[in-house]
């Protein structure tokens, strides 16, 4: 099964090469050359600011769980985790942060739940903006249609009913498994003020991370509806979570081509934009890679911490 999952991830690479083959390497490279070097550097700085803000949020959450983290340490460890998350399968490396702060962890379970809470803020923000994007594209392009026959509706209803039956049947077992985790999860003292602050920081960081697409598109001189592009990249963010891609390769390009087609723009510009963003993201991981080089951990240790 692991081997199957490994090969499935190469679907993204196949999508990318197929798109470039259909559109042409020459056209794609010409489109990439539309961005200047100083705009490229500004885009990189935007990402670093966004990641810094996310490290601030992680520190707020960690302290609420009784994990004393200093500003520099949280910043450094967050960047190492960011680097590891993008070079390990299933973003396992993100949990490597715990190995760098194990001396201040009350216990391993608290450490895990603090990271899960950190990710929940990202997920809630991503889903919120993705719903806004769906409404926006539905109003402007009518991309979603209601089922045209009764069988489709019945299948949806059947699926919901089976899910509810499954939950009811195994609820006691689920409660037994989740109860100790829920106890650890609820051991924070975030409160309304810190929760709002963390969510606000999340929104700003997400605005910067996904807004980079708009800045690069603007610097390339692409005539696109920037609100549509901005909201569309959040849907793209959801799609890149699918286990058929590495670092969003292929899925990101295909999604942008679809968005560009809605506005009647050439596909080579969509692929060029995606490849530029991909390169900026890779370079943004360099600080974490340098810190990891000077204080490395083993992949075996990550797997043990996962267990």
Protein backbone atom coordinates (compact mmCIF):
# COMPACT_ATOMS: atom_id res chain seq x y z
CA UNK A 1 0.00 0.00 0.00
CA UNK A 2 2.85 2.39 0.83
CA UNK A 3 4.39 1.79 -2.59
CA UNK A 4 1.06 2.53 -4.27
CA UNK A 5 0.75 5.78 -2.30
CA UNK A 6 4.31 6.68 -3.29
CA UNK A 7 3.63 6.25 -7.01
CA UNK A 8 0.26 8.01 -6.84
CA UNK A 9 2.11 11.20 -5.87
CA UNK A 10 3.75 11.22 -9.30
CA UNK A 11 0.37 11.95 -10.91
CA UNK A 12 1.12 15.62 -10.25
CA UNK A 13 4.38 15.43 -12.23
CA UNK A 14 2.57 13.73 -15.11
CA UNK A 15 -0.04 16.52 -15.12
CA UNK A 16 2.67 19.17 -15.23
CA UNK A 17 4.64 17.60 -18.08
CA UNK A 18 1.45 16.95 -20.04
CA UNK A 19 0.40 20.61 -19.72
CA UNK A 20 3.80 21.95 -20.76
CA UNK A 21 3.95 19.45 -23.65
CA UNK A 22 0.53 20.61 -24.91
CA UNK A 23 1.31 24.31 -24.51
CA UNK A 24 4.99 24.33 -25.40
CA UNK A 25 8.22 24.84 -23.48
CA UNK A 26 9.19 27.92 -25.49
CA UNK A 27 5.91 29.74 -24.78
CA UNK A 28 6.12 28.86 -21.08
CA UNK A 29 9.72 30.10 -20.73
CA UNK A 30 8.88 33.34 -22.55
CA UNK A 31 6.05 33.92 -20.09
CA UNK A 32 8.32 33.20 -17.10
CA UNK A 33 10.71 35.90 -18.31
CA UNK A 34 8.01 38.55 -17.80
CA UNK A 35 8.89 38.91 -14.10
CA UNK A 36 11.86 41.07 -13.07
CA UNK A 37 14.43 40.05 -10.47
CA UNK A 38 13.48 42.74 -7.94
CA UNK A 39 9.80 41.72 -8.08
CA UNK A 40 10.95 38.15 -7.50
CA UNK A 41 12.87 39.23 -4.37
CA UNK A 42 9.90 41.23 -3.05
CA UNK A 43 7.69 38.16 -3.46
CA UNK A 44 10.20 36.14 -1.46
CA UNK A 45 10.20 38.75 1.31
CA UNK A 46 6.39 38.65 1.42
CA UNK A 47 6.50 34.89 2.04
CA UNK A 48 9.10 35.28 4.79
CA UNK A 49 6.95 37.88 6.54
CA UNK A 50 3.96 35.50 6.32
CA UNK A 51 5.98 32.64 7.80
CA UNK A 52 7.24 34.89 10.59
CA UNK A 53 3.63 35.74 11.47
CA UNK A 54 2.76 32.05 11.56
CA UNK A 55 5.66 31.43 13.94
CA UNK A 56 4.23 34.17 16.19
CA UNK A 57 0.86 32.40 16.17
CA UNK A 58 2.52 29.07 17.01
CA UNK A 59 4.26 30.73 19.98
CA UNK A 60 0.93 32.10 21.27
CA UNK A 61 -0.65 28.64 21.01
CA UNK A 62 2.36 26.91 22.58
CA UNK A 63 2.41 29.25 25.57
CA UNK A 64 -1.33 28.66 26.06
CA UNK A 65 -0.51 24.95 26.44
CA UNK A 66 2.19 25.67 29.01
CA UNK A 67 5.08 25.34 26.54
CA UNK A 68 7.47 28.26 27.20
CA UNK A 69 8.90 29.35 23.86
CA UNK A 70 11.01 32.45 23.25
CA UNK A 71 10.52 34.58 20.14
CA UNK A 72 13.76 33.59 18.43
CA UNK A 73 13.41 29.91 19.25
CA UNK A 74 9.84 29.71 17.95
CA UNK A 75 10.90 31.55 14.77
CA UNK A 76 13.89 29.27 14.19
CA UNK A 77 12.09 26.00 14.97
CA UNK A 78 9.07 26.98 12.87
CA UNK A 79 11.28 27.55 9.82
CA UNK A 80 13.03 24.21 10.39
CA UNK A 81 9.62 22.52 10.62
CA UNK A 82 8.54 24.28 7.43
CA UNK A 83 11.61 22.97 5.61
CA UNK A 84 11.17 19.43 6.95
CA UNK A 85 7.44 19.42 6.13
CA UNK A 86 8.26 19.96 2.47
CA UNK A 87 10.94 17.28 2.14
CA UNK A 88 9.26 14.46 4.04
CA UNK A 89 6.28 12.27 3.01
CA UNK A 90 2.88 13.35 4.28
CA UNK A 91 4.38 16.56 5.73
CA UNK A 92 5.59 14.42 8.63
CA UNK A 93 8.55 16.74 9.11
CA UNK A 94 6.32 19.50 10.43
CA UNK A 95 6.05 17.49 13.65
CA UNK A 96 9.83 17.57 13.88
CA UNK A 97 9.32 20.85 15.69
CA UNK A 98 8.53 18.81 18.80
CA UNK A 99 12.00 17.24 18.75
CA UNK A 100 13.57 20.69 18.90
CA UNK A 101 11.51 21.79 21.91
CA UNK A 102 11.20 18.47 23.79
CA UNK A 103 13.08 19.95 26.76
CA UNK A 104 10.17 22.35 27.45
CA UNK A 105 7.24 20.03 26.60
CA UNK A 106 4.98 19.05 29.54
CA UNK A 107 4.45 15.76 27.68
CA UNK A 108 4.40 14.44 24.12
CA UNK A 109 0.60 14.46 23.88
CA UNK A 110 0.46 18.17 24.75
CA UNK A 111 3.09 18.82 22.09
CA UNK A 112 1.08 17.00 19.43
CA UNK A 113 -2.17 18.73 20.34
CA UNK A 114 -0.51 22.16 20.24
CA UNK A 115 0.65 21.47 16.67
CA UNK A 116 -2.78 20.18 15.71
CA UNK A 117 -4.32 23.36 17.11
CA UNK A 118 -1.80 25.35 15.06
CA UNK A 119 -2.91 23.55 11.91
CA UNK A 120 -6.60 23.94 12.74
CA UNK A 121 -6.28 27.72 12.51
CA UNK A 122 -4.81 27.32 9.02
CA UNK A 123 -7.50 24.86 7.98
CA UNK A 124 -10.40 27.01 9.23
CA UNK A 125 -9.04 30.08 7.45
CA UNK A 126 -8.42 28.08 4.26
CA UNK A 127 -11.94 26.64 4.28
CA UNK A 128 -13.49 30.04 5.00
CA UNK A 129 -11.80 31.73 2.06
CA UNK A 130 -12.44 28.68 -0.15
CA UNK A 131 -16.19 28.94 0.54
CA UNK A 132 -16.04 32.63 -0.36
CA UNK A 133 -14.26 31.63 -3.58
CA UNK A 134 -16.94 29.06 -4.46
CA UNK A 135 -19.69 31.66 -3.99
CA UNK A 136 -17.72 34.18 -6.07
CA UNK A 137 -17.13 31.80 -8.99
CA UNK A 138 -20.66 30.45 -8.79
CA UNK A 139 -22.13 33.97 -9.07
CA UNK A 140 -19.80 34.94 -11.93
CA UNK A 141 -19.41 31.72 -13.91
CA UNK A 142 -22.12 29.25 -12.70
CA UNK A 143 -19.51 26.51 -12.32
CA UNK A 144 -21.61 24.28 -10.04
CA UNK A 145 -24.86 22.72 -11.22
CA UNK A 146 -27.55 20.86 -9.30
CA UNK A 147 -27.99 17.14 -10.03
CA UNK A 148 -30.13 16.66 -13.14
CA UNK A 149 -31.69 13.35 -12.07
CA UNK A 150 -33.20 11.80 -8.96
CA UNK A 151 -30.56 9.06 -8.77
CA UNK A 152 -27.78 11.55 -8.05
CA UNK A 153 -29.80 13.12 -5.21
CA UNK A 154 -30.59 9.67 -3.78
CA UNK A 155 -26.90 8.70 -3.84
CA UNK A 156 -25.98 11.87 -1.90
CA UNK A 157 -28.72 11.20 0.68
CA UNK A 158 -27.63 7.55 0.99
CA UNK A 159 -24.02 8.61 1.59
CA UNK A 160 -25.03 11.01 4.38
CA UNK A 161 -27.27 8.38 6.00
CA UNK A 162 -24.51 5.74 5.94
CA UNK A 163 -22.06 8.21 7.49
CA UNK A 164 -24.51 8.99 10.32
CA UNK A 165 -25.16 5.27 10.92
CA UNK A 166 -21.40 4.62 11.07
CA UNK A 167 -20.90 7.38 13.66
CA UNK A 168 -23.79 6.14 15.80
CA UNK A 169 -22.64 2.51 15.64
CA UNK A 170 -19.04 3.20 16.65
CA UNK A 171 -19.57 6.32 18.79
CA UNK A 172 -18.58 4.61 22.07
CA UNK A 173 -15.37 3.27 20.59
CA UNK A 174 -14.58 6.64 19.03
CA UNK A 175 -15.20 8.43 22.34
CA UNK A 176 -12.92 5.96 24.14
CA UNK A 177 -10.09 6.60 21.67
CA UNK A 178 -10.57 10.36 21.43
CA UNK A 179 -11.27 11.14 25.10
CA UNK A 180 -7.62 11.38 26.30
CA UNK A 181 -6.74 13.45 23.24
CA UNK A 182 -9.69 15.78 23.80
CA UNK A 183 -8.58 16.24 27.39
CA UNK A 184 -5.10 17.26 26.20
CA UNK A 185 -6.55 19.36 23.39
CA UNK A 186 -8.71 21.36 25.80
CA UNK A 187 -5.88 21.98 28.28
CA UNK A 188 -5.00 25.36 26.73
CA UNK A 189 -5.91 28.78 28.05
CA UNK A 190 -6.28 30.61 24.75
CA UNK A 191 -9.57 32.28 25.63
CA UNK A 192 -11.45 34.62 23.31
CA UNK A 193 -8.78 37.32 23.09
CA UNK A 194 -5.85 35.02 22.24
CA UNK A 195 -8.03 32.95 19.90
CA UNK A 196 -9.09 36.08 18.02
CA UNK A 197 -5.48 37.29 17.92
CA UNK A 198 -4.30 33.92 16.57
CA UNK A 199 -7.06 33.85 13.94
CA UNK A 200 -6.32 37.44 12.92
CA UNK A 201 -2.61 36.60 12.52
CA UNK A 202 -3.63 33.53 10.49
CA UNK A 203 -5.77 35.63 8.13
CA UNK A 204 -2.96 38.16 7.60
CA UNK A 205 -0.40 35.43 6.93
CA UNK A 206 -2.78 33.66 4.54
CA UNK A 207 -3.49 36.95 2.79
CA UNK A 208 0.26 37.38 2.22
CA UNK A 209 0.93 33.75 1.20
CA UNK A 210 -1.86 33.61 -1.36
CA UNK A 211 -1.56 37.28 -2.24
CA UNK A 212 1.91 36.50 -3.65
CA UNK A 213 0.10 35.00 -6.67
CA UNK A 214 -1.52 38.39 -7.28
CA UNK A 215 1.72 40.31 -6.83
CA UNK A 216 3.60 38.06 -9.27
CA UNK A 217 0.70 38.22 -11.78
CA UNK A 218 0.72 42.03 -11.48
CA UNK A 219 4.50 42.20 -11.97
CA UNK A 220 4.16 39.97 -15.06
CA UNK A 221 1.60 42.40 -16.48
CA UNK A 222 -1.19 39.81 -16.60
CA UNK A 223 -4.64 41.33 -17.14
CA UNK A 224 -6.72 39.24 -14.77
CA UNK A 225 -9.43 39.91 -12.22
CA UNK A 226 -7.23 39.99 -9.11
CA UNK A 227 -10.10 39.26 -6.72
CA UNK A 228 -10.95 36.13 -8.69
CA UNK A 229 -7.30 35.06 -8.77
CA UNK A 230 -6.85 35.70 -5.05
CA UNK A 231 -9.94 33.73 -4.02
CA UNK A 232 -9.20 31.01 -6.56
CA UNK A 233 -5.79 30.33 -5.03
CA UNK A 234 -7.49 29.26 -1.78
CA UNK A 235 -9.34 26.53 -3.67
CA UNK A 236 -5.98 25.69 -5.17
CA UNK A 237 -4.62 25.44 -1.61
CA UNK A 238 -7.28 22.87 -0.74
CA UNK A 239 -6.58 20.85 -3.89
CA UNK A 240 -2.83 20.71 -3.22
CA UNK A 241 -3.63 18.80 -0.01
CA UNK A 242 -4.70 15.84 -2.18
CA UNK A 243 -2.26 12.90 -1.89
CA UNK A 244 -1.55 12.86 -5.64
CA UNK A 245 1.13 15.53 -5.70
CA UNK A 246 4.45 16.57 -4.21
CA UNK A 247 4.54 20.25 -3.14
CA UNK A 248 1.41 20.83 -5.23
CA UNK A 249 3.22 20.13 -8.52
CA UNK A 250 0.79 19.53 -11.37
CA UNK A 251 -2.33 20.19 -9.33
CA UNK A 252 -1.40 23.84 -8.83
CA UNK A 253 -0.66 24.35 -12.53
CA UNK A 254 -3.85 22.59 -13.67
CA UNK A 255 -5.97 24.64 -11.25
CA UNK A 256 -4.46 27.92 -12.42
CA UNK A 257 -4.99 26.97 -16.07
CA UNK A 258 -8.70 26.45 -15.28
CA UNK A 259 -8.92 29.84 -13.53
CA UNK A 260 -7.12 31.58 -16.40
CA UNK A 261 -9.42 29.90 -18.96
CA UNK A 262 -12.44 31.35 -17.13
CA UNK A 263 -11.02 34.80 -17.87
CA UNK A 264 -9.94 33.94 -21.40
CA UNK A 265 -6.21 34.15 -20.61
CA UNK A 266 -3.48 31.95 -22.17
CA UNK A 267 -2.53 28.75 -20.37
CA UNK A 268 1.22 29.40 -20.66
CA UNK A 269 0.84 32.44 -18.41
CA UNK A 270 -0.92 30.28 -15.80
CA UNK A 271 1.85 27.68 -15.86
CA UNK A 272 4.55 30.36 -15.78
CA UNK A 273 2.90 32.00 -12.76
CA UNK A 274 2.70 28.66 -10.98
CA UNK A 275 6.34 27.74 -11.69
CA UNK A 276 7.55 31.15 -10.48
CA UNK A 277 5.58 30.74 -7.24
CA UNK A 278 6.99 27.22 -6.84
CA UNK A 279 10.56 28.52 -7.20
CA UNK A 280 9.91 31.32 -4.69
CA UNK A 281 8.51 28.77 -2.23
CA UNK A 282 11.58 26.56 -2.59
CA UNK A 283 13.94 29.47 -1.93
CA UNK A 284 11.83 30.56 1.07
CA UNK A 285 12.71 27.26 2.77
CA UNK A 286 16.46 28.06 2.73
CA UNK A 287 16.60 29.61 6.26
CA UNK A 288 15.03 26.46 7.69
CA UNK A 289 17.43 24.30 5.67
CA UNK A 290 20.44 26.20 7.04
CA UNK A 291 19.25 25.94 10.65
CA UNK A 292 18.50 22.23 10.10
CA UNK A 293 22.01 21.71 8.71
CA UNK A 294 23.56 23.06 11.91
CA UNK A 295 21.21 21.08 14.21
CA UNK A 296 19.91 18.06 12.26
CA UNK A 297 17.55 15.35 13.44
CA UNK A 298 17.09 11.88 11.99
CA UNK A 299 14.04 10.76 10.01
CA UNK A 300 13.84 7.72 12.29
CA UNK A 301 13.32 10.07 15.24
CA UNK A 302 10.43 11.70 13.38
CA UNK A 303 8.81 8.32 12.80
CA UNK A 304 9.19 7.39 16.46
CA UNK A 305 7.58 10.67 17.53
CA UNK A 306 4.71 9.98 15.11
CA UNK A 307 4.09 6.62 16.78
